[in-house]
Amino acid sequence: MRARQATAQHASAIVAQLQEGGWVEAAEQGEYRTPHDAIADQVLQEMLLPNPEMLPYILAASHLGRPLGRFARSLGRLGGILGDSGTSIEHSAQTWLRQHAQALGQSLCQNEPDSVAYALGAVFDYHPWSRLAVEHWDELVAPWLASNGTSIAARHLLHRGLKTLPAASGQQLLLAALDWLEMHGLRRQATFVLAPLLAWDKQRLGEQQPEVLKLAMQWLAHEHNGVTADAGFVLPPLLTNPALDRESRTRCGDLAVSRLRTYPERDDATHVLKHLLQAAGAYPDEVPFRESLICAGHWLDKNPEHPEKRFVIARLLRMKNLPQDMGQPLAKAGLDFLAEHEPNSQDDYLLNGIAARFMTLADSEQTHWAQLSARWIESSHRVYDIDSLFFSCRKFISKDHIRNFQSIFDSVRAKNFRDIHAFDWTSPFDNDYRASRMGNVQSAEPGKLPGD
């Protein structure tokens, strides 16, 4: 008894000292927490790097639920910092979860559902544990889902699982998600489950795809869900889903335009806008085309330095039915944006978009595009993307035009990418094919929008 009292007094003294030094602070219900995640990460690193065998002792409180999630997040961040030197810690973490999956699955059912749902979601995000979670699903996850799978708290677990776990866990998660949506499918929180489900393709959803699309449209139609900020999680994947029927896509397009007008300053406005433009280009008779262009113009006017500007301009330039008199000014705006900023790994999206309007550019602007493309190639390490840019040249640029700056590309390719596929500059696609890829860029009536 005296020994236990002495140990408790010693532990209290340590906690008091840590609190005085700013390492921990008092939380609710007599608990303590670190003021910042970096402190917990630093402590874990100093303890585990020389002694990874200590991890099982540190993880002893995981059965309480909340600590499990915090450990998963800290270990995930630690793995990103340590790289290969943290392999022994990851192996220790995997061994621990493999040995404790069954006991952990039983004890988690006894804890507060919200905390456990967040904790299991964090387990799914920590790569060394995510595969084991699938392997030991019946022991670790299934008991909690059986008890709490239709509770509102389960949305956290379902969201992370649907978003991050491999396809091997698909059916288990899909059925659990559909059961949850049957109970809560019209709530605002349903976007936590609908959004990642809508990101699954037809092959992964299988025969459940029509049901998922129906549930998403029902959510949008309920009360004012469709014009809320939360609709930004549901509308983008619906707009571009090829399985959506014409009437539903038109409804989604109208709601997307309304949302962009209501929430033009939200950070996720570009996410909705890019999908709206993509849908307007692919389904111009189903999505409000004119209104989509107007929304894009307003956003560009208000966000001249936004990093997402490259993607919005690129989406516009790739639209086959873009009015003729809009293509050249947008392509020039894209060139100016690239010239004013340092090379970015994602500049190829905009360079490819400008290539689609290449024949509308003046000679000096064509040369400027070639120079900016060469600059990007020199800074890029992704051969696939460089091949994609060369492919755009074949689609959109004739032999006579490309001869003017063939040497720019050839010298960059020879210097930096000797293993890249040799590009045959003398064999662009024929004129009929290139015209089909450019849509009506040569034939649209200036100043007219489709439907005018």
Protein backbone atom coordinates (compact mmCIF):
# COMPACT_ATOMS: atom_id res chain seq x y z
CA MET A 1 0.00 0.00 0.00
CA ARG A 2 2.79 2.43 0.98
CA ALA A 3 4.56 1.59 -2.28
CA ARG A 4 1.46 2.45 -4.32
CA GLN A 5 1.01 5.70 -2.38
CA ALA A 6 4.64 6.61 -3.00
CA THR A 7 4.25 5.87 -6.71
CA ALA A 8 1.12 8.03 -6.93
CA GLN A 9 2.85 10.88 -5.09
CA HIS A 10 5.86 10.56 -7.38
CA ALA A 11 3.61 10.63 -10.50
CA SER A 12 1.77 13.72 -9.17
CA ALA A 13 5.08 15.48 -8.60
CA ILE A 14 6.19 14.70 -12.16
CA VAL A 15 2.91 16.01 -13.62
CA ALA A 16 3.15 19.17 -11.51
CA GLN A 17 6.69 19.76 -12.74
CA LEU A 18 5.64 19.24 -16.36
CA GLN A 19 2.74 21.65 -15.88
CA GLU A 20 4.99 24.28 -14.33
CA GLY A 21 7.38 23.97 -17.28
CA GLY A 22 4.57 24.41 -19.82
CA TRP A 23 4.78 20.86 -21.17
CA VAL A 24 1.22 19.97 -20.15
CA GLU A 25 -1.89 21.88 -19.14
CA ALA A 26 -5.06 20.95 -17.26
CA ALA A 27 -8.00 19.75 -19.35
CA GLU A 28 -11.54 18.65 -18.44
CA GLN A 29 -12.42 15.92 -15.94
CA GLY A 30 -9.03 15.88 -14.27
CA GLU A 31 -7.13 15.08 -17.47
CA TYR A 32 -4.00 16.76 -18.81
CA ARG A 33 -3.00 17.55 -22.35
CA THR A 34 -0.09 19.08 -24.24
CA PRO A 35 -0.58 22.72 -25.31
CA HIS A 36 0.51 21.83 -28.84
CA ASP A 37 0.83 18.63 -30.89
CA ALA A 38 4.50 19.41 -31.49
CA ILE A 39 5.25 18.85 -27.80
CA ALA A 40 3.72 15.37 -27.81
CA ASP A 41 5.57 14.58 -31.03
CA GLN A 42 8.88 15.73 -29.59
CA VAL A 43 8.43 13.68 -26.42
CA LEU A 44 7.54 10.58 -28.43
CA GLN A 45 10.52 11.06 -30.70
CA GLU A 46 12.99 11.43 -27.81
CA MET A 47 11.55 8.39 -26.04
CA LEU A 48 11.03 6.03 -28.96
CA LEU A 49 13.86 6.68 -31.38
CA PRO A 50 16.50 5.13 -29.10
CA ASN A 51 14.04 2.67 -27.49
CA PRO A 52 11.19 1.62 -29.85
CA GLU A 53 10.44 -1.29 -27.50
CA MET A 54 8.92 1.27 -25.09
CA LEU A 55 5.96 1.86 -27.42
CA PRO A 56 3.70 -0.88 -25.94
CA TYR A 57 3.99 0.77 -22.52
CA ILE A 58 3.12 4.17 -23.97
CA LEU A 59 0.10 2.73 -25.78
CA ALA A 60 -1.28 1.09 -22.63
CA ALA A 61 -4.04 3.73 -22.28
CA SER A 62 -5.35 3.19 -25.83
CA HIS A 63 -8.29 1.11 -24.60
CA LEU A 64 -9.85 4.34 -23.30
CA GLY A 65 -10.52 5.45 -26.88
CA ARG A 66 -9.37 9.05 -27.09
CA PRO A 67 -5.67 8.25 -26.39
CA LEU A 68 -5.68 5.73 -29.26
CA GLY A 69 -6.55 8.46 -31.76
CA ARG A 70 -3.98 10.86 -30.36
CA PHE A 71 -1.26 8.21 -30.49
CA ALA A 72 -2.18 7.36 -34.09
CA ARG A 73 -1.95 11.00 -35.17
CA SER A 74 1.32 11.60 -33.31
CA LEU A 75 2.90 8.44 -34.68
CA GLY A 76 1.78 9.43 -38.17
CA ARG A 77 3.41 12.84 -37.90
CA LEU A 78 6.51 11.26 -36.38
CA GLY A 79 6.78 8.86 -39.31
CA GLY A 80 6.70 11.78 -41.72
CA ILE A 81 9.56 13.46 -39.84
CA LEU A 82 11.79 10.43 -39.30
CA GLY A 83 11.37 8.68 -42.65
CA ASP A 84 13.37 5.44 -42.88
CA SER A 85 14.90 5.98 -39.44
CA GLY A 86 11.44 5.49 -37.93
CA THR A 87 10.92 2.01 -39.43
CA SER A 88 11.58 0.26 -36.12
CA ILE A 89 8.89 2.38 -34.43
CA GLU A 90 6.39 1.47 -37.15
CA HIS A 91 7.20 -2.23 -36.77
CA SER A 92 6.69 -1.96 -33.01
CA ALA A 93 3.34 -0.20 -33.56
CA GLN A 94 2.20 -2.92 -35.97
CA THR A 95 3.20 -5.69 -33.59
CA TRP A 96 1.30 -4.01 -30.76
CA LEU A 97 -1.93 -3.61 -32.72
CA ARG A 98 -1.75 -7.16 -34.07
CA GLN A 99 -1.43 -8.50 -30.52
CA HIS A 100 -4.11 -6.28 -28.97
CA ALA A 101 -6.73 -5.99 -31.75
CA GLN A 102 -9.30 -8.26 -30.11
CA ALA A 103 -9.00 -6.85 -26.59
CA LEU A 104 -8.97 -3.30 -27.98
CA GLY A 105 -12.09 -3.93 -30.06
CA GLN A 106 -13.97 -5.11 -26.96
CA SER A 107 -12.86 -2.29 -24.68
CA LEU A 108 -13.54 0.48 -27.20
CA CYS A 109 -17.23 -0.46 -27.15
CA GLN A 110 -17.36 0.60 -23.51
CA ASN A 111 -16.18 4.17 -24.15
CA GLU A 112 -17.82 7.37 -25.32
CA PRO A 113 -18.84 6.85 -29.01
CA ASP A 114 -17.64 10.22 -30.33
CA SER A 115 -14.12 9.73 -28.96
CA VAL A 116 -13.88 6.16 -30.26
CA ALA A 117 -15.16 7.12 -33.72
CA TYR A 118 -12.47 9.81 -34.00
CA ALA A 119 -9.87 7.36 -32.65
CA LEU A 120 -10.66 4.61 -35.17
CA GLY A 121 -10.70 7.20 -37.93
CA ALA A 122 -7.17 8.19 -36.89
CA VAL A 123 -6.16 4.51 -36.94
CA PHE A 124 -7.33 4.35 -40.57
CA ASP A 125 -5.16 7.39 -41.37
CA TYR A 126 -1.99 5.95 -39.82
CA HIS A 127 -0.57 3.83 -42.63
CA PRO A 128 1.16 1.13 -40.50
CA TRP A 129 -2.16 0.52 -38.75
CA SER A 130 -4.64 0.94 -41.62
CA ARG A 131 -3.81 -2.37 -43.32
CA LEU A 132 -3.97 -4.18 -39.99
CA ALA A 133 -7.34 -2.59 -39.26
CA VAL A 134 -8.68 -4.24 -42.42
CA GLU A 135 -7.02 -7.57 -41.63
CA HIS A 136 -8.42 -7.58 -38.08
CA TRP A 137 -11.71 -5.87 -38.95
CA ASP A 138 -13.90 -8.46 -37.23
CA GLU A 139 -11.97 -8.10 -33.96
CA LEU A 140 -11.12 -4.39 -33.94
CA VAL A 141 -13.80 -2.47 -35.87
CA ALA A 142 -16.86 -4.72 -36.31
CA PRO A 143 -17.78 -4.88 -32.58
CA TRP A 144 -17.94 -1.08 -32.34
CA LEU A 145 -19.93 -0.81 -35.58
CA ALA A 146 -22.37 -3.45 -34.32
CA SER A 147 -23.01 -1.37 -31.20
CA ASN A 148 -22.68 2.16 -32.57
CA GLY A 149 -22.71 1.94 -36.38
CA THR A 150 -25.97 3.86 -36.78
CA SER A 151 -25.21 6.47 -34.12
CA ILE A 152 -24.57 10.00 -35.30
CA ALA A 153 -21.00 9.68 -33.96
CA ALA A 154 -20.20 6.93 -36.48
CA ARG A 155 -19.92 9.54 -39.22
CA HIS A 156 -16.30 10.22 -38.19
CA LEU A 157 -15.24 6.59 -38.55
CA LEU A 158 -17.15 6.16 -41.81
CA HIS A 159 -15.75 9.36 -43.30
CA ARG A 160 -12.13 8.44 -42.69
CA GLY A 161 -12.63 4.81 -43.63
CA LEU A 162 -14.43 5.54 -46.90
CA LYS A 163 -11.78 8.08 -47.78
CA THR A 164 -8.57 6.28 -46.86
CA LEU A 165 -8.98 2.52 -46.54
CA PRO A 166 -8.16 0.26 -49.50
CA ALA A 167 -10.81 -1.32 -51.68
CA ALA A 168 -10.43 -4.60 -49.79
CA SER A 169 -12.59 -3.16 -47.02
CA GLY A 170 -15.12 -1.77 -49.48
CA GLN A 171 -18.18 -3.91 -48.92
CA GLN A 172 -17.96 -3.79 -45.12
CA LEU A 173 -17.72 -0.01 -45.16
CA LEU A 174 -20.25 0.48 -47.94
CA LEU A 175 -22.97 -1.49 -46.18
CA ALA A 176 -22.24 0.27 -42.88
CA ALA A 177 -22.42 3.66 -44.63
CA LEU A 178 -25.75 2.85 -46.29
CA ASP A 179 -27.19 1.71 -42.96
CA TRP A 180 -26.04 4.97 -41.39
CA LEU A 181 -27.54 7.05 -44.22
CA GLU A 182 -30.85 5.26 -43.81
CA MET A 183 -30.99 6.72 -40.30
CA HIS A 184 -29.36 10.12 -40.82
CA GLY A 185 -29.35 10.69 -44.58
CA LEU A 186 -31.15 14.06 -44.45
CA ARG A 187 -29.09 15.62 -41.65
CA ARG A 188 -26.45 18.24 -42.40
CA GLN A 189 -23.83 15.84 -41.02
CA ALA A 190 -24.67 13.33 -43.77
CA THR A 191 -22.09 15.07 -45.98
CA PHE A 192 -19.38 13.37 -43.91
CA VAL A 193 -20.56 10.05 -45.39
CA LEU A 194 -21.97 11.14 -48.75
CA ALA A 195 -18.89 13.04 -49.94
CA PRO A 196 -16.38 10.17 -49.76
CA LEU A 197 -18.99 7.70 -51.08
CA LEU A 198 -19.54 9.90 -54.14
CA ALA A 199 -15.78 9.85 -54.76
CA TRP A 200 -15.93 6.08 -55.30
CA ASP A 201 -16.17 5.06 -58.95
CA LYS A 202 -18.82 2.81 -60.51
CA GLN A 203 -16.66 -0.29 -60.20
CA ARG A 204 -16.19 0.15 -56.48
CA LEU A 205 -19.81 1.08 -55.72
CA GLY A 206 -21.12 -1.68 -57.96
CA GLU A 207 -24.88 -2.16 -57.90
CA GLN A 208 -25.17 0.33 -55.03
CA GLN A 209 -24.23 3.34 -57.20
CA PRO A 210 -27.84 4.27 -58.11
CA GLU A 211 -28.76 4.16 -54.41
CA VAL A 212 -25.86 6.42 -53.46
CA LEU A 213 -26.77 8.95 -56.18
CA LYS A 214 -30.43 8.88 -55.06
CA LEU A 215 -29.46 9.49 -51.43
CA ALA A 216 -27.25 12.43 -52.44
CA MET A 217 -30.03 14.05 -54.48
CA GLN A 218 -32.50 13.51 -51.62
CA TRP A 219 -30.10 15.27 -49.26
CA LEU A 220 -29.80 18.25 -51.62
CA ALA A 221 -33.59 18.49 -51.96
CA HIS A 222 -34.28 18.36 -48.22
CA GLU A 223 -35.23 21.75 -46.76
CA HIS A 224 -32.40 24.16 -47.65
CA ASN A 225 -29.48 21.69 -47.76
CA GLY A 226 -28.78 22.39 -51.41
CA VAL A 227 -27.92 26.07 -50.84
CA THR A 228 -25.98 25.65 -47.61
CA ALA A 229 -22.22 25.79 -47.31
CA ASP A 230 -22.24 22.02 -46.68
CA ALA A 231 -23.53 21.46 -50.22
CA GLY A 232 -20.00 22.20 -51.39
CA PHE A 233 -19.04 18.67 -50.33
CA VAL A 234 -21.80 16.97 -52.33
CA LEU A 235 -22.26 19.04 -55.48
CA PRO A 236 -18.75 18.73 -57.04
CA PRO A 237 -18.64 14.91 -57.37
CA LEU A 238 -22.28 14.84 -58.54
CA LEU A 239 -21.76 17.44 -61.26
CA THR A 240 -19.13 15.39 -63.07
CA ASN A 241 -20.52 11.92 -62.38
CA PRO A 242 -21.31 10.29 -65.75
CA ALA A 243 -24.01 8.11 -64.19
CA LEU A 244 -26.14 11.09 -63.10
CA ASP A 245 -29.32 11.60 -65.12
CA ARG A 246 -29.95 14.80 -67.08
CA GLU A 247 -32.57 16.26 -64.73
CA SER A 248 -30.42 15.71 -61.65
CA ARG A 249 -27.33 17.21 -63.28
CA THR A 250 -29.30 20.30 -64.28
CA ARG A 251 -30.51 20.64 -60.70
CA CYS A 252 -26.94 20.30 -59.39
CA GLY A 253 -25.72 22.91 -61.86
CA ASP A 254 -28.38 25.39 -60.74
CA LEU A 255 -27.51 24.76 -57.08
CA ALA A 256 -23.79 25.16 -57.74
CA VAL A 257 -24.35 28.53 -59.42
CA SER A 258 -26.58 29.63 -56.53
CA ARG A 259 -23.99 28.52 -53.98
CA LEU A 260 -21.17 30.39 -55.75
CA ARG A 261 -23.26 33.53 -55.70
CA THR A 262 -24.12 33.06 -52.02
CA TYR A 263 -20.64 32.05 -50.79
CA PRO A 264 -18.17 33.59 -53.27
CA GLU A 265 -15.48 34.11 -50.63
CA ARG A 266 -15.41 30.61 -49.15
CA ASP A 267 -12.13 28.73 -49.44
CA ASP A 268 -13.86 25.83 -51.16
CA ALA A 269 -15.51 28.03 -53.82
CA THR A 270 -12.87 27.02 -56.36
CA HIS A 271 -13.60 23.35 -55.72
CA VAL A 272 -17.24 23.87 -56.69
CA LEU A 273 -16.32 26.20 -59.55
CA LYS A 274 -13.79 23.82 -61.15
CA HIS A 275 -16.29 20.95 -61.16
CA LEU A 276 -19.03 23.25 -62.46
CA LEU A 277 -16.81 24.29 -65.38
CA GLN A 278 -15.82 20.71 -66.06
CA ALA A 279 -19.49 19.70 -66.14
CA ALA A 280 -20.39 22.70 -68.31
CA GLY A 281 -17.74 21.63 -70.80
CA ALA A 282 -18.77 17.98 -70.83
CA TYR A 283 -22.56 18.46 -70.57
CA PRO A 284 -23.30 21.96 -71.95
CA ASP A 285 -26.96 21.12 -72.57
CA GLU A 286 -27.49 19.92 -69.00
CA VAL A 287 -25.58 22.50 -66.95
CA PRO A 288 -26.23 26.29 -67.04
CA PHE A 289 -23.33 27.17 -69.36
CA ARG A 290 -23.65 30.95 -69.49
CA GLU A 291 -24.07 31.27 -65.72
CA SER A 292 -21.03 29.03 -65.20
CA LEU A 293 -18.86 31.36 -67.27
CA ILE A 294 -20.19 34.38 -65.41
CA CYS A 295 -19.36 32.77 -62.05
CA ALA A 296 -15.85 32.03 -63.29
CA GLY A 297 -15.39 35.61 -64.49
CA HIS A 298 -16.52 37.04 -61.14
CA TRP A 299 -14.18 34.72 -59.25
CA LEU A 300 -11.19 35.63 -61.44
CA ASP A 301 -11.90 39.34 -61.00
CA LYS A 302 -11.98 38.99 -57.22
CA ASN A 303 -8.98 36.65 -56.91
CA PRO A 304 -6.21 37.89 -59.22
CA GLU A 305 -3.41 36.34 -57.11
CA HIS A 306 -5.14 33.20 -55.85
CA PRO A 307 -2.97 30.09 -56.38
CA GLU A 308 -6.04 28.23 -57.67
CA LYS A 309 -6.30 30.73 -60.52
CA ARG A 310 -4.19 28.44 -62.74
CA PHE A 311 -6.79 25.67 -62.43
CA VAL A 312 -9.81 27.89 -63.07
CA ILE A 313 -8.26 29.35 -66.24
CA ALA A 314 -7.16 25.88 -67.35
CA ARG A 315 -10.71 24.53 -66.94
CA LEU A 316 -12.09 27.38 -69.03
CA LEU A 317 -9.52 26.95 -71.78
CA ARG A 318 -10.25 23.23 -72.05
CA MET A 319 -13.95 23.82 -72.73
CA LYS A 320 -14.58 23.01 -76.39
CA ASN A 321 -17.58 25.31 -76.59
CA LEU A 322 -15.88 28.34 -75.03
CA PRO A 323 -16.81 31.44 -77.07
CA GLN A 324 -14.08 32.38 -79.53
CA ASP A 325 -13.48 35.87 -78.18
CA MET A 326 -12.86 34.51 -74.66
CA GLY A 327 -10.12 32.02 -75.56
CA GLN A 328 -7.30 34.40 -76.48
CA PRO A 329 -7.70 36.80 -73.51
CA LEU A 330 -7.86 33.85 -71.11
CA ALA A 331 -4.79 32.23 -72.67
CA LYS A 332 -2.90 35.53 -72.35
CA ALA A 333 -4.04 35.84 -68.71
CA GLY A 334 -2.69 32.34 -68.15
CA LEU A 335 0.67 33.27 -69.67
CA ASP A 336 0.87 36.39 -67.49
CA PHE A 337 0.04 34.37 -64.36
CA LEU A 338 2.78 31.83 -65.11
CA ALA A 339 5.33 34.54 -65.89
CA GLU A 340 4.62 36.37 -62.63
CA HIS A 341 5.14 33.29 -60.44
CA GLU A 342 7.94 30.84 -59.83
CA PRO A 343 7.59 27.45 -61.56
CA ASN A 344 5.10 25.18 -59.83
CA SER A 345 4.78 21.41 -60.17
CA GLN A 346 1.15 21.90 -61.25
CA ASP A 347 1.80 24.48 -63.97
CA ASP A 348 1.30 21.79 -66.60
CA TYR A 349 -2.48 22.04 -66.11
CA LEU A 350 -2.41 25.63 -67.29
CA LEU A 351 0.24 25.06 -69.97
CA ASN A 352 -1.90 22.28 -71.46
CA GLY A 353 -4.95 24.52 -71.30
CA ILE A 354 -3.14 27.32 -73.14
CA ALA A 355 -1.97 24.79 -75.73
CA ALA A 356 -5.63 24.11 -76.52
CA ARG A 357 -5.92 27.78 -77.60
CA PHE A 358 -2.46 27.99 -79.13
CA MET A 359 -3.64 28.98 -82.61
CA THR A 360 -5.43 32.06 -81.23
CA LEU A 361 -2.17 33.49 -79.82
CA ALA A 362 0.09 36.04 -81.49
CA ASP A 363 3.54 34.86 -82.59
CA SER A 364 5.22 36.47 -79.58
CA GLU A 365 2.71 34.84 -77.22
CA GLN A 366 3.30 31.45 -78.82
CA THR A 367 7.04 31.83 -78.23
CA HIS A 368 6.36 32.94 -74.65
CA TRP A 369 4.30 29.78 -74.09
CA ALA A 370 7.17 27.66 -75.40
CA GLN A 371 9.65 29.40 -73.08
CA LEU A 372 7.39 28.97 -70.05
CA SER A 373 6.85 25.32 -70.98
CA ALA A 374 10.60 24.76 -71.21
CA ARG A 375 11.05 26.46 -67.82
CA TRP A 376 8.49 24.12 -66.28
CA ILE A 377 10.06 21.05 -67.88
CA GLU A 378 13.45 21.99 -66.41
CA SER A 379 11.93 22.22 -62.91
CA SER A 380 9.74 19.11 -63.17
CA HIS A 381 10.62 15.56 -62.16
CA ARG A 382 7.45 13.90 -63.41
CA VAL A 383 8.13 12.33 -66.79
CA TYR A 384 4.47 11.38 -67.21
CA ASP A 385 3.38 15.03 -67.02
CA ILE A 386 6.06 16.09 -69.47
CA ASP A 387 4.88 13.45 -71.92
CA SER A 388 1.37 14.85 -71.44
CA LEU A 389 2.55 18.33 -72.44
CA PHE A 390 4.27 16.96 -75.55
CA PHE A 391 1.07 15.10 -76.38
CA SER A 392 -0.85 18.39 -76.18
CA CYS A 393 1.56 19.81 -78.73
CA ARG A 394 0.65 17.02 -81.13
CA LYS A 395 -3.07 17.64 -80.52
CA PHE A 396 -3.16 21.39 -80.85
CA ILE A 397 -0.09 22.68 -82.71
CA SER A 398 0.67 22.24 -86.39
CA LYS A 399 4.08 21.26 -87.78
CA ASP A 400 4.59 24.70 -89.31
CA HIS A 401 4.02 26.48 -86.00
CA ILE A 402 5.96 24.15 -83.78
CA ARG A 403 9.05 24.34 -85.98
CA ASN A 404 9.63 27.87 -84.67
CA PHE A 405 10.56 26.66 -81.20
CA GLN A 406 11.27 22.97 -81.65
CA SER A 407 14.86 23.57 -80.57
CA ILE A 408 13.71 24.96 -77.19
CA PHE A 409 11.98 21.72 -76.25
CA ASP A 410 14.55 19.39 -77.79
CA SER A 411 17.45 20.98 -75.90
CA VAL A 412 15.62 20.82 -72.56
CA ARG A 413 14.57 17.22 -73.09
CA ALA A 414 18.05 16.13 -74.16
CA LYS A 415 19.66 17.85 -71.18
CA ASN A 416 17.32 16.74 -68.41
CA PHE A 417 15.36 13.69 -69.51
CA ARG A 418 17.45 11.36 -71.61
CA ASP A 419 15.16 8.46 -70.69
CA ILE A 420 11.98 10.22 -71.81
CA HIS A 421 10.21 8.92 -74.89
CA ALA A 422 11.67 10.61 -77.94
CA PHE A 423 9.05 12.98 -79.31
CA ASP A 424 8.51 13.00 -83.05
CA TRP A 425 8.04 16.70 -83.72
CA THR A 426 7.52 16.01 -87.41
CA SER A 427 4.30 14.02 -86.81
CA PRO A 428 1.57 16.09 -85.17
CA PHE A 429 -1.96 14.80 -85.46
CA ASP A 430 -3.69 15.71 -88.70
CA ASN A 431 -5.62 18.94 -88.99
CA ASP A 432 -9.07 17.32 -88.75
CA TYR A 433 -8.16 15.63 -85.45
CA ARG A 434 -6.67 18.81 -84.02
CA ALA A 435 -9.74 20.80 -85.02
CA SER A 436 -11.98 18.27 -83.25
CA ARG A 437 -9.93 18.61 -80.05
CA MET A 438 -10.17 22.40 -80.15
CA GLY A 439 -13.95 22.34 -80.49
CA ASN A 440 -15.42 25.54 -81.89
CA VAL A 441 -12.41 27.71 -81.13
CA GLN A 442 -12.11 28.52 -84.83
CA SER A 443 -15.80 28.68 -85.68
CA ALA A 444 -17.71 30.19 -82.75
CA GLU A 445 -19.33 33.51 -83.39
CA PRO A 446 -17.50 36.21 -81.39
CA GLY A 447 -19.36 37.48 -78.37
CA LYS A 448 -21.99 34.74 -78.45
CA LEU A 449 -22.61 32.18 -75.77
CA PRO A 450 -24.30 28.84 -76.40
CA GLY A 451 -28.02 29.29 -75.94
CA ASP A 452 -27.99 32.99 -76.93
